[in-house]
Amino acid sequence: MWTVVYMAQNKEDADSIGKVLEEKGLLIKVRTMGENNDEGELCYEILVPESEVNEAHEIIIENNI
């Protein structure tokens, strides 16, 4: 099962965070969520397998994301 570990406000942030997680060896999925925000962009969810949630959170914290 896939679990959301981060929600990004734009595609660039989602891609950047996803890249960091992938470089650490995690599987990721990025999916759009909701409607466009005030700047006309969607929000993005970053998901990892449930078994990798703790590791993903540690990586996010270590990288000050």
Protein backbone atom coordinates (compact mmCIF):
# COMPACT_ATOMS: atom_id res chain seq x y z
CA MET A 1 0.00 0.00 0.00
CA TRP A 2 1.25 3.51 -0.87
CA THR A 3 1.28 6.24 1.77
CA VAL A 4 1.55 10.02 1.41
CA VAL A 5 4.71 11.33 3.10
CA TYR A 6 4.72 14.89 1.76
CA MET A 7 2.47 17.37 0.01
CA ALA A 8 4.13 19.91 -2.28
CA GLN A 9 2.61 23.18 -3.47
CA ASN A 10 4.05 22.96 -6.98
CA LYS A 11 5.53 20.51 -9.48
CA GLU A 12 9.10 21.78 -9.07
CA ASP A 13 9.07 21.10 -5.31
CA ALA A 14 7.46 17.69 -5.83
CA ASP A 15 10.10 16.74 -8.40
CA SER A 16 12.93 17.98 -6.17
CA ILE A 17 11.74 16.11 -3.09
CA GLY A 18 10.99 13.00 -5.12
CA LYS A 19 14.50 13.09 -6.55
CA VAL A 20 16.04 13.22 -3.05
CA LEU A 21 13.98 10.23 -1.93
CA GLU A 22 14.83 8.26 -5.10
CA GLU A 23 18.56 8.98 -4.68
CA LYS A 24 18.30 7.39 -1.23
CA GLY A 25 16.86 4.26 -2.83
CA LEU A 26 13.16 4.70 -2.10
CA LEU A 27 10.36 3.98 -4.53
CA ILE A 28 8.13 6.99 -5.01
CA LYS A 29 4.95 8.04 -6.78
CA VAL A 30 3.87 11.61 -7.35
CA ARG A 31 0.21 12.37 -7.99
CA THR A 32 -1.77 15.55 -8.36
CA MET A 33 -4.37 16.44 -5.81
CA GLY A 34 -7.32 18.76 -5.77
CA GLU A 35 -7.82 21.82 -7.88
CA ASN A 36 -5.49 24.60 -8.97
CA ASN A 37 -4.29 26.90 -6.18
CA ASP A 38 -4.22 30.72 -6.42
CA GLU A 39 -1.23 30.67 -8.78
CA GLY A 40 -2.96 28.22 -11.10
CA GLU A 41 -0.95 25.18 -10.02
CA LEU A 42 -2.04 21.87 -8.55
CA CYS A 43 -0.87 20.42 -5.25
CA TYR A 44 1.17 17.22 -5.42
CA GLU A 45 1.30 14.23 -3.10
CA ILE A 46 4.52 12.27 -2.74
CA LEU A 47 3.87 8.65 -1.85
CA VAL A 48 6.12 5.77 -0.81
CA PRO A 49 5.37 2.14 0.01
CA GLU A 50 4.03 1.78 3.55
CA SER A 51 7.15 -0.16 4.57
CA GLU A 52 9.35 2.84 3.69
CA VAL A 53 7.39 5.61 5.43
CA ASN A 54 9.70 5.93 8.45
CA GLU A 55 12.79 6.05 6.26
CA ALA A 56 11.18 8.65 3.99
CA HIS A 57 10.32 10.85 6.98
CA GLU A 58 13.89 10.58 8.27
CA ILE A 59 15.26 11.62 4.88
CA ILE A 60 12.85 14.54 4.66
CA ILE A 61 13.89 15.73 8.14
CA GLU A 62 17.63 15.23 7.47
CA ASN A 63 17.37 17.32 4.30
CA ASN A 64 15.34 20.10 5.95
CA ILE A 65 12.52 19.65 3.50
